[in-house]
Amino acid sequence: MVRGSLTMRHHLVLWIVAGMLLLTGSTYAQQGQEPGAAFAVKVVNYDTELVEGEVKIPVITGLHDAELENILNSRWEKDITSFVDAIRADAVAFQEEMGEAAGHWLPFHAYTDFKVGYLDERFVSLPMVYYCYTGGAHGMSYQESTNVDLLLGENLALEDLFLPGYDFCKEIAAEVNRQRAANPEHFFDEAWAETVIAPDHPFYLTAQGIVVYFGLYEIAPYSTGIPEFTIPYDYLWEGLKPEIQAMAEAHRGKPEIE
C-alpha cells in the first residue's frame, strides 16, 4: 500500500479551536505519544436554508514527517467537506422537486465528530462518525476510521495487524459472538444476523485492544447505535505481528483512558 493512497440565514461560521482535545497532551504522553504529536479540532458550523449542523475536522500536528502530516489533514478535511457537499446537493435536488413544500423538511442536518483511538510514534488510529438527517423517522450515522503506520506512511487494513496464516477473522468473530451472547437484548438473533469478519473489516486501535464495529442495522436495531466490540490483544496474541505486540506490551497494567 503506497502513501499516495492516504489519500437571510445564509451564512457560514468557521473557527479553529486553539486548544487541543482532552485526549491529547498528558493523556497521550502516558501512551508513548510521539514527541510533539497532538490533535486539535477545526469546527465548522452551517446555518443555511439548505444545510444546518456542525462538523469537527481533526488536525494532527507535530509529526516528524511533515508530508504525511499534510496528507492526513488534507484527507480528513476533504472527506468531511465532501460529506457536507453531498447533503447540500441532496437538499438542492429535494427543493427543486418539492418546491415550496420543501420548506417543511429543510434544512437537512449534517454532523461529524471523532475521537482519537490511539496515537504514538508508530501508529495513529482515529474513528470518525458521520451523521445526517434528510427526512424520515430519524437520521442515519456511519463510522469510518483512519489507521496509519506512521513509520511506513501506509494505511493499515485489519489483516495488516496479523501474521500470515493466522485465522484472525474466525477468532475475532468468535469473540464478537461471545460478547453478543452476553448482551442479547442489544442485538439481532445470530440465526439471521450472522457475525461476518472480513480481512478488510472496519476497525480502530486502542491501548486495550482492537475495536471492530458494524453499520446500523447490520447486526442490531437502530436503538443500539453503531455496535463496537473491543477484542483484547491477549485474545489474539499468537497471531499479532511483532510491532502490534510491542504496542500492546507498552500498555500492560495501565488503566484505560476515556
Protein backbone atom coordinates (compact mmCIF):
# COMPACT_ATOMS: atom_id res chain seq x y z
CA MET A 1 0.00 0.00 0.00
CA VAL A 2 1.62 3.26 -1.02
CA ARG A 3 1.50 6.67 0.59
CA GLY A 4 -0.45 8.08 -2.35
CA SER A 5 -3.47 6.11 -1.21
CA LEU A 6 -3.71 8.21 2.01
CA THR A 7 -5.43 9.87 0.48
CA MET A 8 -31.28 35.66 5.32
CA ARG A 9 -29.97 32.53 7.05
CA HIS A 10 -27.22 32.20 4.54
CA HIS A 11 -24.04 32.34 6.49
CA LEU A 12 -21.19 30.06 7.42
CA VAL A 13 -19.34 30.40 10.69
CA LEU A 14 -15.83 28.97 10.81
CA TRP A 15 -13.37 28.93 13.62
CA ILE A 16 -10.43 26.85 14.76
CA VAL A 17 -10.34 25.75 18.35
CA ALA A 18 -6.91 26.71 19.62
CA GLY A 19 -6.81 24.26 22.49
CA MET A 20 -6.14 20.58 21.99
CA LEU A 21 -8.75 17.93 22.64
CA LEU A 22 -8.84 16.41 26.09
CA LEU A 23 -7.44 13.24 24.55
CA THR A 24 -4.11 14.89 23.82
CA GLY A 25 -1.30 16.27 25.93
CA SER A 26 -0.55 14.36 29.11
CA THR A 27 -3.03 11.61 28.19
CA TYR A 28 -1.07 10.63 25.13
CA ALA A 29 2.23 11.04 26.88
CA GLN A 30 1.13 8.12 29.01
CA GLN A 31 0.59 6.11 25.82
CA GLY A 32 4.06 6.71 24.38
CA GLN A 33 2.99 9.63 22.22
CA GLU A 34 5.38 10.81 19.55
CA PRO A 35 7.12 13.90 20.99
CA GLY A 36 5.10 16.94 19.98
CA ALA A 37 2.35 14.97 18.21
CA ALA A 38 -1.18 16.03 19.12
CA PHE A 39 -4.67 16.56 17.76
CA ALA A 40 -6.61 19.80 17.53
CA VAL A 41 -10.12 20.22 16.18
CA LYS A 42 -11.34 22.57 13.48
CA VAL A 43 -15.05 23.27 13.93
CA VAL A 44 -17.27 24.42 11.07
CA ASN A 45 -20.88 25.46 11.71
CA TYR A 46 -23.52 25.53 8.95
CA ASP A 47 -26.71 27.57 9.23
CA THR A 48 -28.35 27.98 5.83
CA GLU A 49 -31.72 27.32 4.21
CA LEU A 50 -30.36 24.03 2.87
CA VAL A 51 -27.91 22.67 5.45
CA GLU A 52 -27.62 23.06 9.20
CA GLY A 53 -25.17 21.46 11.57
CA GLU A 54 -21.65 21.26 12.90
CA VAL A 55 -18.67 19.27 11.69
CA LYS A 56 -15.46 18.65 13.61
CA ILE A 57 -12.37 18.16 11.47
CA PRO A 58 -9.29 16.55 13.07
CA VAL A 59 -5.97 18.33 12.67
CA ILE A 60 -2.81 16.44 13.58
CA THR A 61 0.37 18.36 14.34
CA GLY A 62 3.91 17.59 15.41
CA LEU A 63 4.67 14.55 13.23
CA HIS A 64 8.29 14.11 12.16
CA ASP A 65 7.06 13.51 8.62
CA ALA A 66 5.59 16.84 7.51
CA GLU A 67 4.45 15.42 4.16
CA LEU A 68 2.46 12.66 5.85
CA GLU A 69 1.00 15.18 8.28
CA ASN A 70 -0.25 17.30 5.38
CA ILE A 71 -1.65 14.23 3.60
CA LEU A 72 -3.66 13.18 6.67
CA ASN A 73 -5.01 16.64 7.38
CA SER A 74 -5.95 17.18 3.75
CA ARG A 75 -7.70 13.82 3.59
CA TRP A 76 -9.82 14.48 6.68
CA GLU A 77 -10.85 17.94 5.53
CA LYS A 78 -11.66 16.71 2.02
CA ASP A 79 -13.71 13.75 3.25
CA ILE A 80 -15.79 15.86 5.62
CA THR A 81 -16.28 18.68 3.13
CA SER A 82 -17.41 16.15 0.52
CA PHE A 83 -19.87 14.70 3.04
CA VAL A 84 -21.48 18.10 3.60
CA ASP A 85 -21.42 18.92 -0.12
CA ALA A 86 -23.31 15.71 -0.88
CA ILE A 87 -26.00 16.57 1.68
CA ARG A 88 -26.26 20.08 0.24
CA ALA A 89 -26.66 18.64 -3.27
CA ASP A 90 -29.46 16.36 -2.00
CA ALA A 91 -31.15 19.36 -0.40
CA VAL A 92 -30.98 21.32 -3.66
CA ALA A 93 -32.49 18.42 -5.59
CA PHE A 94 -35.20 18.00 -2.95
CA GLN A 95 -36.04 21.71 -3.07
CA GLU A 96 -36.28 21.66 -6.86
CA GLU A 97 -38.58 18.64 -6.77
CA MET A 98 -40.86 19.72 -3.92
CA GLY A 99 -40.97 23.48 -4.44
CA GLU A 100 -42.45 25.46 -1.55
CA ALA A 101 -43.38 22.26 0.28
CA ALA A 102 -39.68 21.54 0.77
CA GLY A 103 -39.56 24.22 3.46
CA HIS A 104 -41.29 21.82 5.84
CA TRP A 105 -38.30 19.46 5.69
CA LEU A 106 -35.36 21.75 5.09
CA PRO A 107 -32.70 22.37 6.19
CA PHE A 108 -31.09 18.94 6.12
CA HIS A 109 -28.72 18.27 9.00
CA ALA A 110 -25.03 17.29 8.89
CA TYR A 111 -22.75 16.48 11.81
CA THR A 112 -19.39 14.80 12.26
CA ASP A 113 -17.34 14.00 15.32
CA PHE A 114 -14.24 11.98 16.07
CA LYS A 115 -12.14 10.56 18.87
CA VAL A 116 -8.51 9.55 18.96
CA GLY A 117 -8.39 5.80 19.43
CA TYR A 118 -4.61 5.60 19.52
CA LEU A 119 -1.55 7.73 18.86
CA ASP A 120 2.13 7.01 19.40
CA GLU A 121 5.34 7.31 17.41
CA ARG A 122 4.36 4.36 15.19
CA PHE A 123 0.56 4.35 14.79
CA VAL A 124 -2.40 6.69 14.59
CA SER A 125 -5.95 5.37 14.74
CA LEU A 126 -8.90 7.74 14.54
CA PRO A 127 -12.59 6.78 14.16
CA MET A 128 -14.91 9.42 12.68
CA VAL A 129 -18.72 9.36 12.97
CA TYR A 130 -20.84 10.97 10.24
CA TYR A 131 -24.50 11.80 10.91
CA CYS A 132 -27.10 13.22 8.55
CA TYR A 133 -30.83 13.82 8.68
CA THR A 134 -32.62 14.23 5.36
CA GLY A 135 -36.18 13.49 6.45
CA GLY A 136 -37.92 10.40 7.73
CA ALA A 137 -38.23 8.90 11.19
CA HIS A 138 -34.63 9.55 12.22
CA GLY A 139 -31.18 10.40 10.92
CA MET A 140 -28.51 7.96 9.85
CA SER A 141 -24.96 7.52 11.10
CA TYR A 142 -21.92 5.66 9.90
CA GLN A 143 -18.35 5.40 11.10
CA GLU A 144 -15.07 5.42 9.18
CA SER A 145 -11.61 5.01 10.65
CA THR A 146 -8.16 6.20 9.69
CA ASN A 147 -5.49 3.66 10.65
CA VAL A 148 -1.97 4.55 9.60
CA ASP A 149 1.51 3.18 10.17
CA LEU A 150 3.40 6.46 10.66
CA LEU A 151 6.79 4.81 10.17
CA LEU A 152 5.91 3.41 6.75
CA GLY A 153 3.41 6.08 5.78
CA GLU A 154 0.84 3.45 4.87
CA ASN A 155 -2.82 2.76 5.59
CA LEU A 156 -3.49 -0.27 7.74
CA ALA A 157 -6.18 -2.83 6.98
CA LEU A 158 -7.28 -5.29 9.65
CA GLU A 159 -5.26 -8.06 8.01
CA ASP A 160 -2.09 -5.96 8.28
CA LEU A 161 -2.08 -6.44 12.06
CA PHE A 162 -1.63 -10.21 11.84
CA LEU A 163 0.91 -12.79 10.81
CA PRO A 164 0.27 -14.65 7.52
CA GLY A 165 -1.74 -17.82 8.01
CA TYR A 166 -3.41 -16.77 11.25
CA ASP A 167 -7.20 -17.07 11.05
CA PHE A 168 -7.94 -13.74 12.72
CA CYS A 169 -11.35 -13.48 11.06
CA LYS A 170 -12.51 -16.66 12.82
CA GLU A 171 -11.02 -15.64 16.18
CA ILE A 172 -12.48 -12.13 16.14
CA ALA A 173 -15.91 -13.40 15.04
CA ALA A 174 -15.90 -15.88 17.93
CA GLU A 175 -15.18 -13.13 20.46
CA VAL A 176 -17.81 -10.84 18.94
CA ASN A 177 -20.35 -13.66 19.19
CA ARG A 178 -19.40 -14.21 22.84
CA GLN A 179 -19.99 -10.52 23.61
CA ARG A 180 -23.26 -10.54 21.65
CA ALA A 181 -24.48 -13.55 23.60
CA ALA A 182 -23.68 -11.76 26.87
CA ASN A 183 -25.97 -8.86 25.87
CA PRO A 184 -28.62 -10.42 23.61
CA GLU A 185 -31.16 -7.64 24.19
CA HIS A 186 -28.99 -5.23 22.17
CA PHE A 187 -28.55 -7.38 19.06
CA PHE A 188 -30.47 -9.30 16.42
CA ASP A 189 -30.63 -13.06 16.71
CA GLU A 190 -27.47 -14.59 15.27
CA ALA A 191 -29.57 -17.02 13.28
CA TRP A 192 -30.44 -14.26 10.80
CA ALA A 193 -27.75 -11.64 11.55
CA GLU A 194 -24.53 -13.61 11.42
CA THR A 195 -21.23 -12.10 12.56
CA VAL A 196 -19.02 -11.85 9.49
CA ILE A 197 -15.46 -10.55 9.79
CA ALA A 198 -13.58 -9.89 6.55
CA PRO A 199 -9.85 -9.17 6.11
CA ASP A 200 -10.76 -5.52 5.49
CA HIS A 201 -13.38 -5.27 8.24
CA PRO A 202 -13.58 -1.76 9.74
CA PHE A 203 -11.67 -1.27 12.99
CA TYR A 204 -9.64 1.10 15.08
CA LEU A 205 -6.93 0.63 17.67
CA THR A 206 -6.90 1.50 21.36
CA ALA A 207 -4.40 0.79 24.13
CA GLN A 208 -6.67 -2.04 25.32
CA GLY A 209 -7.36 -3.85 22.06
CA ILE A 210 -8.65 -3.84 18.52
CA VAL A 211 -12.15 -2.38 18.21
CA VAL A 212 -14.24 -3.82 15.38
CA TYR A 213 -17.57 -2.25 14.55
CA PHE A 214 -20.62 -2.70 12.33
CA GLY A 215 -23.03 -0.46 10.47
CA LEU A 216 -26.52 0.47 11.64
CA TYR A 217 -28.98 -2.43 11.26
CA GLU A 218 -26.16 -4.83 10.32
CA ILE A 219 -26.36 -6.92 13.50
CA ALA A 220 -28.51 -4.76 15.78
CA PRO A 221 -31.55 -2.46 15.80
CA TYR A 222 -31.19 1.29 15.32
CA SER A 223 -31.53 1.87 19.08
CA THR A 224 -28.22 0.08 19.70
CA GLY A 225 -26.34 2.59 17.59
CA ILE A 226 -23.08 1.62 15.88
CA PRO A 227 -22.11 -1.70 17.54
CA GLU A 228 -18.50 -1.81 18.71
CA PHE A 229 -16.56 -4.72 20.19
CA THR A 230 -13.16 -4.44 21.84
CA ILE A 231 -11.06 -7.53 21.18
CA PRO A 232 -8.25 -7.65 23.77
CA TYR A 233 -4.78 -8.05 22.33
CA ASP A 234 -4.16 -11.05 24.60
CA TYR A 235 -7.02 -12.89 22.91
CA LEU A 236 -5.23 -12.61 19.55
CA TRP A 237 -1.66 -12.59 20.85
CA GLU A 238 -0.22 -15.53 18.94
CA GLY A 239 -1.34 -14.06 15.62
CA LEU A 240 -0.30 -10.44 16.13
CA LYS A 241 2.67 -9.03 14.26
CA PRO A 242 5.66 -8.11 16.49
CA GLU A 243 5.07 -4.37 16.15
CA ILE A 244 1.46 -4.76 17.36
CA GLN A 245 2.60 -6.95 20.24
CA ALA A 246 5.15 -4.28 21.18
CA MET A 247 2.42 -1.64 21.18
CA ALA A 248 0.21 -3.81 23.40
CA GLU A 249 3.10 -4.62 25.77
CA ALA A 250 3.67 -0.90 26.32
CA HIS A 251 0.24 -0.60 27.94
CA ARG A 252 0.02 -3.75 30.05
CA GLY A 253 -1.26 -2.94 33.51
CA LYS A 254 -2.10 0.66 32.67
CA PRO A 255 -5.63 1.92 33.34
CA GLU A 256 -7.96 2.53 30.42
CA ILE A 257 -8.11 6.18 29.33
CA GLU A 258 -11.53 7.53 28.43
